[in-house]
Amino acid sequence: AEVLLEAARDAELLVLGSRALSGLTGFLIGSVGQSVVARAEVPVILVRAGEQAADEHVKDPAGIPSAATGFRPVVVGLDTGSPDETVLAFAFEEARRREATLTVLRVWNLPSSHTYALAAGYDPREDLARAQAEALTEALLPWREKYPDVEVTEDSRLGSAAGHLVAASHDASFVVVGRRVRRSPFGVHIGAVAHAVMHHATAPVAVVAHD
């Protein structure tokens, strides 16, 4: 881990191979890989062993992945409450490189007060869903202007961020997640969502560190 981190100090990004558990079950991330992801200041891309270039492409008319077809979407998770420019810029650049659609996934949960609203005969989910979708659209407006050549799909969902990102990875060429840098005397942390996506996504995963 120390050697890899030192080598990546002046790099643009770091790529690590990862052994697949089996079939579509995701990655097996060893202690070295986890230590590097948790401490690297550059984006770290995890690619499953045995991954083929064609696996990132749309299937051809015969239903077979082919490098001759376009790339499947790039997926990025976004927190509209504090959208990080580093993560979004990385995702938009990757989508532009691939000439792929960028799917921006915003996952939200019901506030604790929704129980009282339900008891009063009011279901707040529809209004909350509309507000979350509007917040996502507003957060992406400047990015659509900056990257007019990137087709963007907005997806706002209720539930588990990790679960929805892992599910989206099945139809993606690449998944981008952020890792908030926490400088603590008690050690470094990857974050629950990034950790789950690292282990269970079926597409290559980029973990982008940000403040």
C-alpha atoms as a PDB file:
ATOM      1  CA  ALA A   1       0.000   0.000   0.000  1.00  0.00           C
ATOM      2  CA  GLU A   2       2.778   2.449   0.881  1.00  0.00           C
ATOM      3  CA  VAL A   3       4.576   1.850  -2.431  1.00  0.00           C
ATOM      4  CA  LEU A   4       1.393   2.299  -4.456  1.00  0.00           C
ATOM      5  CA  LEU A   5       0.469   5.484  -2.615  1.00  0.00           C
ATOM      6  CA  GLU A   6       3.947   6.897  -3.164  1.00  0.00           C
ATOM      7  CA  ALA A   7       3.829   5.998  -6.874  1.00  0.00           C
ATOM      8  CA  ALA A   8       0.442   7.711  -7.225  1.00  0.00           C
ATOM      9  CA  ARG A   9       1.540  10.917  -5.516  1.00  0.00           C
ATOM     10  CA  ASP A  10       2.275  12.672  -8.830  1.00  0.00           C
ATOM     11  CA  ALA A  11      -0.153  10.645 -10.938  1.00  0.00           C
ATOM     12  CA  GLU A  12      -3.501  11.571 -12.485  1.00  0.00           C
ATOM     13  CA  LEU A  13      -5.130   8.371 -11.256  1.00  0.00           C
ATOM     14  CA  LEU A  14      -4.361   4.916  -9.903  1.00  0.00           C
ATOM     15  CA  VAL A  15      -5.783   1.676 -11.321  1.00  0.00           C
ATOM     16  CA  LEU A  16      -6.043  -1.511  -9.268  1.00  0.00           C
ATOM     17  CA  GLY A  17      -7.068  -4.969 -10.415  1.00  0.00           C
ATOM     18  CA  SER A  18      -9.431  -6.910  -8.203  1.00  0.00           C
ATOM     19  CA  ARG A  19     -10.292 -10.576  -8.111  1.00  0.00           C
ATOM     20  CA  ALA A  20     -13.926 -11.318  -8.923  1.00  0.00           C
ATOM     21  CA  LEU A  21     -15.775 -13.394  -6.344  1.00  0.00           C
ATOM     22  CA  SER A  22     -17.873 -15.205  -8.956  1.00  0.00           C
ATOM     23  CA  GLY A  23     -20.136 -14.312 -11.822  1.00  0.00           C
ATOM     24  CA  LEU A  24     -21.888 -11.046 -11.021  1.00  0.00           C
ATOM     25  CA  THR A  25     -21.266 -10.946  -7.280  1.00  0.00           C
ATOM     26  CA  GLY A  26     -18.725  -8.142  -7.508  1.00  0.00           C
ATOM     27  CA  PHE A  27     -15.188  -7.485  -6.330  1.00  0.00           C
ATOM     28  CA  LEU A  28     -12.957  -9.003  -3.729  1.00  0.00           C
ATOM     29  CA  ILE A  29     -11.014  -6.088  -2.275  1.00  0.00           C
ATOM     30  CA  GLY A  30      -8.002  -7.088  -0.199  1.00  0.00           C
ATOM     31  CA  SER A  31      -6.523  -5.151   2.694  1.00  0.00           C
ATOM     32  CA  VAL A  32      -3.944  -3.482   0.431  1.00  0.00           C
ATOM     33  CA  GLY A  33      -6.613  -2.266  -1.982  1.00  0.00           C
ATOM     34  CA  GLN A  34      -8.805  -0.954   0.820  1.00  0.00           C
ATOM     35  CA  SER A  35      -5.870   0.847   2.428  1.00  0.00           C
ATOM     36  CA  VAL A  36      -4.945   2.491  -0.878  1.00  0.00           C
ATOM     37  CA  VAL A  37      -8.520   3.585  -1.635  1.00  0.00           C
ATOM     38  CA  ALA A  38      -8.916   5.015   1.864  1.00  0.00           C
ATOM     39  CA  ARG A  39      -5.738   7.085   1.659  1.00  0.00           C
ATOM     40  CA  ALA A  40      -5.118   7.967  -1.993  1.00  0.00           C
ATOM     41  CA  GLU A  41      -5.606  11.599  -2.964  1.00  0.00           C
ATOM     42  CA  VAL A  42      -6.020  10.781  -6.666  1.00  0.00           C
ATOM     43  CA  PRO A  43      -8.992   8.866  -8.102  1.00  0.00           C
ATOM     44  CA  VAL A  44      -8.617   5.113  -7.701  1.00  0.00           C
ATOM     45  CA  ILE A  45     -10.203   2.897 -10.358  1.00  0.00           C
ATOM     46  CA  LEU A  46     -11.004  -0.712  -9.514  1.00  0.00           C
ATOM     47  CA  VAL A  47     -11.251  -3.167 -12.408  1.00  0.00           C
ATOM     48  CA  ARG A  48     -12.258  -6.782 -11.939  1.00  0.00           C
ATOM     49  CA  ALA A  49      -9.812  -9.442 -13.054  1.00  0.00           C
ATOM     50  CA  GLY A  50     -11.044 -10.951 -16.308  1.00  0.00           C
ATOM     51  CA  GLU A  51     -12.893  -7.782 -17.310  1.00  0.00           C
ATOM     52  CA  GLN A  52     -12.995  -7.357 -21.093  1.00  0.00           C
ATOM     53  CA  ALA A  53     -13.205  -4.045 -22.959  1.00  0.00           C
ATOM     54  CA  ALA A  54     -16.367  -5.281 -24.668  1.00  0.00           C
ATOM     55  CA  ASP A  55     -18.043  -5.702 -21.265  1.00  0.00           C
ATOM     56  CA  GLU A  56     -18.346  -1.911 -21.024  1.00  0.00           C
ATOM     57  CA  HIS A  57     -20.177  -1.623 -24.343  1.00  0.00           C
ATOM     58  CA  VAL A  58     -23.791  -1.970 -25.418  1.00  0.00           C
ATOM     59  CA  LYS A  59     -24.578  -5.422 -26.793  1.00  0.00           C
ATOM     60  CA  ASP A  60     -24.608  -5.825 -30.562  1.00  0.00           C
ATOM     61  CA  PRO A  61     -27.751  -6.920 -32.485  1.00  0.00           C
ATOM     62  CA  ALA A  62     -26.892 -10.551 -31.701  1.00  0.00           C
ATOM     63  CA  GLY A  63     -26.981  -9.785 -27.966  1.00  0.00           C
ATOM     64  CA  ILE A  64     -23.211 -10.036 -27.483  1.00  0.00           C
ATOM     65  CA  PRO A  65     -21.095  -7.274 -25.869  1.00  0.00           C
ATOM     66  CA  SER A  66     -18.950  -5.763 -28.601  1.00  0.00           C
ATOM     67  CA  ALA A  67     -16.226  -3.122 -28.642  1.00  0.00           C
ATOM     68  CA  ALA A  68     -17.750  -1.980 -31.954  1.00  0.00           C
ATOM     69  CA  THR A  69     -20.851  -0.612 -30.218  1.00  0.00           C
ATOM     70  CA  GLY A  70     -21.164   2.457 -27.996  1.00  0.00           C
ATOM     71  CA  PHE A  71     -20.369   2.507 -24.301  1.00  0.00           C
ATOM     72  CA  ARG A  72     -23.001   1.814 -21.719  1.00  0.00           C
ATOM     73  CA  PRO A  73     -23.822   4.735 -19.372  1.00  0.00           C
ATOM     74  CA  VAL A  74     -21.469   6.174 -16.784  1.00  0.00           C
ATOM     75  CA  VAL A  75     -23.213   6.299 -13.389  1.00  0.00           C
ATOM     76  CA  VAL A  76     -22.418   8.743 -10.594  1.00  0.00           C
ATOM     77  CA  GLY A  77     -24.020   9.155  -7.187  1.00  0.00           C
ATOM     78  CA  LEU A  78     -24.814  12.737  -6.168  1.00  0.00           C
ATOM     79  CA  ASP A  79     -25.679  14.326  -2.841  1.00  0.00           C
ATOM     80  CA  THR A  80     -27.677  17.406  -3.834  1.00  0.00           C
ATOM     81  CA  GLY A  81     -27.255  18.801  -0.340  1.00  0.00           C
ATOM     82  CA  SER A  82     -23.512  19.165  -0.877  1.00  0.00           C
ATOM     83  CA  PRO A  83     -22.664  18.294  -4.496  1.00  0.00           C
ATOM     84  CA  ASP A  84     -18.909  17.974  -4.865  1.00  0.00           C
ATOM     85  CA  GLU A  85     -17.360  19.497  -7.978  1.00  0.00           C
ATOM     86  CA  THR A  86     -14.407  17.100  -7.992  1.00  0.00           C
ATOM     87  CA  VAL A  87     -16.630  14.030  -8.246  1.00  0.00           C
ATOM     88  CA  LEU A  88     -18.991  15.552 -10.813  1.00  0.00           C
ATOM     89  CA  ALA A  89     -16.148  16.855 -12.986  1.00  0.00           C
ATOM     90  CA  PHE A  90     -14.547  13.412 -13.014  1.00  0.00           C
ATOM     91  CA  ALA A  91     -17.845  11.743 -13.968  1.00  0.00           C
ATOM     92  CA  PHE A  92     -18.634  14.243 -16.735  1.00  0.00           C
ATOM     93  CA  GLU A  93     -15.121  13.907 -18.176  1.00  0.00           C
ATOM     94  CA  GLU A  94     -15.378  10.111 -18.217  1.00  0.00           C
ATOM     95  CA  ALA A  95     -18.774  10.251 -19.931  1.00  0.00           C
ATOM     96  CA  ARG A  96     -17.419  12.673 -22.524  1.00  0.00           C
ATOM     97  CA  ARG A  97     -14.396  10.458 -23.193  1.00  0.00           C
ATOM     98  CA  ARG A  98     -16.638   7.472 -23.753  1.00  0.00           C
ATOM     99  CA  GLU A  99     -19.276   9.474 -25.653  1.00  0.00           C
ATOM    100  CA  ALA A 100     -21.658   7.825 -23.204  1.00  0.00           C
ATOM    101  CA  THR A 101     -24.769   8.951 -21.371  1.00  0.00           C
ATOM    102  CA  LEU A 102     -24.128  10.118 -17.814  1.00  0.00           C
ATOM    103  CA  THR A 103     -26.701   8.850 -15.329  1.00  0.00           C
ATOM    104  CA  VAL A 104     -26.725  11.013 -12.202  1.00  0.00           C
ATOM    105  CA  LEU A 105     -28.344   9.133  -9.349  1.00  0.00           C
ATOM    106  CA  ARG A 106     -29.697  10.974  -6.326  1.00  0.00           C
ATOM    107  CA  VAL A 107     -30.987   8.721  -3.528  1.00  0.00           C
ATOM    108  CA  TRP A 108     -32.967  10.151  -0.643  1.00  0.00           C
ATOM    109  CA  ASN A 109     -34.795   8.942   2.450  1.00  0.00           C
ATOM    110  CA  LEU A 110     -37.949   9.968   4.229  1.00  0.00           C
ATOM    111  CA  PRO A 111     -37.480  12.317   7.199  1.00  0.00           C
ATOM    112  CA  SER A 112     -38.457  11.042  10.630  1.00  0.00           C
ATOM    113  CA  SER A 113     -41.439  13.411  10.608  1.00  0.00           C
ATOM    114  CA  HIS A 114     -43.131  11.420   7.823  1.00  0.00           C
ATOM    115  CA  THR A 115     -44.555   9.038  10.437  1.00  0.00           C
ATOM    116  CA  TYR A 116     -46.507  11.874  12.015  1.00  0.00           C
ATOM    117  CA  ALA A 117     -47.678  13.070   8.595  1.00  0.00           C
ATOM    118  CA  LEU A 118     -48.984   9.583   7.790  1.00  0.00           C
ATOM    119  CA  ALA A 119     -50.783   9.477  11.129  1.00  0.00           C
ATOM    120  CA  ALA A 120     -52.444  12.764  10.207  1.00  0.00           C
ATOM    121  CA  GLY A 121     -53.659  11.300   6.926  1.00  0.00           C
ATOM    122  CA  TYR A 122     -51.062  12.942   4.670  1.00  0.00           C
ATOM    123  CA  ASP A 123     -48.518  10.955   2.645  1.00  0.00           C
ATOM    124  CA  PRO A 124     -45.516  13.253   1.971  1.00  0.00           C
ATOM    125  CA  ARG A 125     -43.699  10.912  -0.414  1.00  0.00           C
ATOM    126  CA  GLU A 126     -45.036  12.392  -3.656  1.00  0.00           C
ATOM    127  CA  ASP A 127     -44.193  15.958  -2.648  1.00  0.00           C
ATOM    128  CA  LEU A 128     -40.776  14.913  -1.367  1.00  0.00           C
ATOM    129  CA  ALA A 129     -40.040  13.011  -4.577  1.00  0.00           C
ATOM    130  CA  ARG A 130     -40.930  16.093  -6.632  1.00  0.00           C
ATOM    131  CA  ALA A 131     -38.747  18.340  -4.464  1.00  0.00           C
ATOM    132  CA  GLN A 132     -35.799  15.951  -4.684  1.00  0.00           C
ATOM    133  CA  ALA A 133     -36.111  15.713  -8.461  1.00  0.00           C
ATOM    134  CA  GLU A 134     -36.203  19.504  -8.733  1.00  0.00           C
ATOM    135  CA  ALA A 135     -33.119  19.816  -6.502  1.00  0.00           C
ATOM    136  CA  LEU A 136     -31.258  17.361  -8.732  1.00  0.00           C
ATOM    137  CA  THR A 137     -32.195  19.308 -11.868  1.00  0.00           C
ATOM    138  CA  GLU A 138     -31.061  22.576 -10.300  1.00  0.00           C
ATOM    139  CA  ALA A 139     -27.735  21.110  -9.133  1.00  0.00           C
ATOM    140  CA  LEU A 140     -26.962  19.862 -12.636  1.00  0.00           C
ATOM    141  CA  LEU A 141     -27.858  23.023 -14.564  1.00  0.00           C
ATOM    142  CA  PRO A 142     -24.331  24.527 -14.554  1.00  0.00           C
ATOM    143  CA  TRP A 143     -22.842  21.148 -15.444  1.00  0.00           C
ATOM    144  CA  ARG A 144     -25.155  20.709 -18.430  1.00  0.00           C
ATOM    145  CA  GLU A 145     -23.992  24.130 -19.640  1.00  0.00           C
ATOM    146  CA  LYS A 146     -20.336  23.254 -19.110  1.00  0.00           C
ATOM    147  CA  TYR A 147     -20.674  19.878 -20.876  1.00  0.00           C
ATOM    148  CA  PRO A 148     -23.295  20.436 -23.594  1.00  0.00           C
ATOM    149  CA  ASP A 149     -22.052  17.419 -25.546  1.00  0.00           C
ATOM    150  CA  VAL A 150     -22.761  15.001 -22.653  1.00  0.00           C
ATOM    151  CA  GLU A 151     -26.237  13.490 -22.555  1.00  0.00           C
ATOM    152  CA  VAL A 152     -27.432  13.468 -18.944  1.00  0.00           C
ATOM    153  CA  THR A 153     -30.099  11.279 -17.384  1.00  0.00           C
ATOM    154  CA  GLU A 154     -31.392  12.362 -13.977  1.00  0.00           C
ATOM    155  CA  ASP A 155     -32.573   9.655 -11.604  1.00  0.00           C
ATOM    156  CA  SER A 156     -33.975  10.511  -8.156  1.00  0.00           C
ATOM    157  CA  ARG A 157     -34.962   7.547  -5.991  1.00  0.00           C
ATOM    158  CA  LEU A 158     -36.099   6.710  -2.495  1.00  0.00           C
ATOM    159  CA  GLY A 159     -34.104   4.076  -0.614  1.00  0.00           C
ATOM    160  CA  SER A 160     -30.531   2.905  -0.152  1.00  0.00           C
ATOM    161  CA  ALA A 161     -27.832   4.830  -2.028  1.00  0.00           C
ATOM    162  CA  ALA A 162     -25.489   1.839  -2.071  1.00  0.00           C
ATOM    163  CA  GLY A 163     -28.238  -0.529  -3.183  1.00  0.00           C
ATOM    164  CA  HIS A 164     -29.382   1.688  -6.056  1.00  0.00           C
ATOM    165  CA  LEU A 165     -25.809   2.353  -7.230  1.00  0.00           C
ATOM    166  CA  VAL A 166     -24.955  -1.346  -7.200  1.00  0.00           C
ATOM    167  CA  ALA A 167     -28.155  -2.128  -9.123  1.00  0.00           C
ATOM    168  CA  ALA A 168     -27.335   0.599 -11.671  1.00  0.00           C
ATOM    169  CA  SER A 169     -23.859  -0.872 -12.173  1.00  0.00           C
ATOM    170  CA  HIS A 170     -25.365  -3.885 -13.948  1.00  0.00           C
ATOM    171  CA  ASP A 171     -26.156  -1.707 -16.976  1.00  0.00           C
ATOM    172  CA  ALA A 172     -23.212   0.705 -16.673  1.00  0.00           C
ATOM    173  CA  SER A 173     -19.763   0.906 -18.213  1.00  0.00           C
ATOM    174  CA  PHE A 174     -18.353   2.750 -15.206  1.00  0.00           C
ATOM    175  CA  VAL A 175     -19.505   3.841 -11.735  1.00  0.00           C
ATOM    176  CA  VAL A 176     -18.188   6.929  -9.938  1.00  0.00           C
ATOM    177  CA  VAL A 177     -18.508   7.451  -6.191  1.00  0.00           C
ATOM    178  CA  GLY A 178     -17.019  10.048  -3.877  1.00  0.00           C
ATOM    179  CA  ARG A 179     -14.974   9.495  -0.742  1.00  0.00           C
ATOM    180  CA  ARG A 180     -14.873  12.341   1.721  1.00  0.00           C
ATOM    181  CA  VAL A 181     -11.355  12.892   3.059  1.00  0.00           C
ATOM    182  CA  ARG A 182     -11.444  12.585   6.838  1.00  0.00           C
ATOM    183  CA  ARG A 183      -8.183  13.356   8.561  1.00  0.00           C
ATOM    184  CA  SER A 184      -8.662  11.787  11.964  1.00  0.00           C
ATOM    185  CA  PRO A 185      -6.297  10.507  14.647  1.00  0.00           C
ATOM    186  CA  PHE A 186      -8.427   7.360  14.699  1.00  0.00           C
ATOM    187  CA  GLY A 187      -7.514   6.383  11.138  1.00  0.00           C
ATOM    188  CA  VAL A 188      -8.949   6.730   7.651  1.00  0.00           C
ATOM    189  CA  HIS A 189     -12.375   5.744   6.410  1.00  0.00           C
ATOM    190  CA  ILE A 190     -13.818   4.904   3.009  1.00  0.00           C
ATOM    191  CA  GLY A 191     -17.471   5.563   3.792  1.00  0.00           C
ATOM    192  CA  ALA A 192     -20.349   3.093   3.837  1.00  0.00           C
ATOM    193  CA  VAL A 193     -21.709   3.831   0.350  1.00  0.00           C
ATOM    194  CA  ALA A 194     -18.328   3.800  -1.409  1.00  0.00           C
ATOM    195  CA  HIS A 195     -17.350   0.664   0.512  1.00  0.00           C
ATOM    196  CA  ALA A 196     -20.488  -1.202  -0.566  1.00  0.00           C
ATOM    197  CA  VAL A 197     -20.181  -0.112  -4.199  1.00  0.00           C
ATOM    198  CA  MET A 198     -16.504  -1.104  -4.276  1.00  0.00           C
ATOM    199  CA  HIS A 199     -17.355  -4.626  -3.166  1.00  0.00           C
ATOM    200  CA  HIS A 200     -20.567  -5.292  -5.048  1.00  0.00           C
ATOM    201  CA  ALA A 201     -20.660  -3.252  -8.271  1.00  0.00           C
ATOM    202  CA  THR A 202     -20.308  -5.309 -11.450  1.00  0.00           C
ATOM    203  CA  ALA A 203     -18.724  -2.500 -13.522  1.00  0.00           C
ATOM    204  CA  PRO A 204     -15.367  -0.779 -12.988  1.00  0.00           C
ATOM    205  CA  VAL A 205     -15.577   1.663 -10.071  1.00  0.00           C
ATOM    206  CA  ALA A 206     -13.807   4.976  -9.576  1.00  0.00           C
ATOM    207  CA  VAL A 207     -13.479   6.240  -6.013  1.00  0.00           C
ATOM    208  CA  VAL A 208     -12.776   9.981  -6.072  1.00  0.00           C
ATOM    209  CA  ALA A 209     -11.458  11.635  -2.928  1.00  0.00           C
ATOM    210  CA  HIS A 210     -12.839  15.075  -2.078  1.00  0.00           C
ATOM    211  CA  ASP A 211     -12.908  17.497   0.869  1.00  0.00           C
END
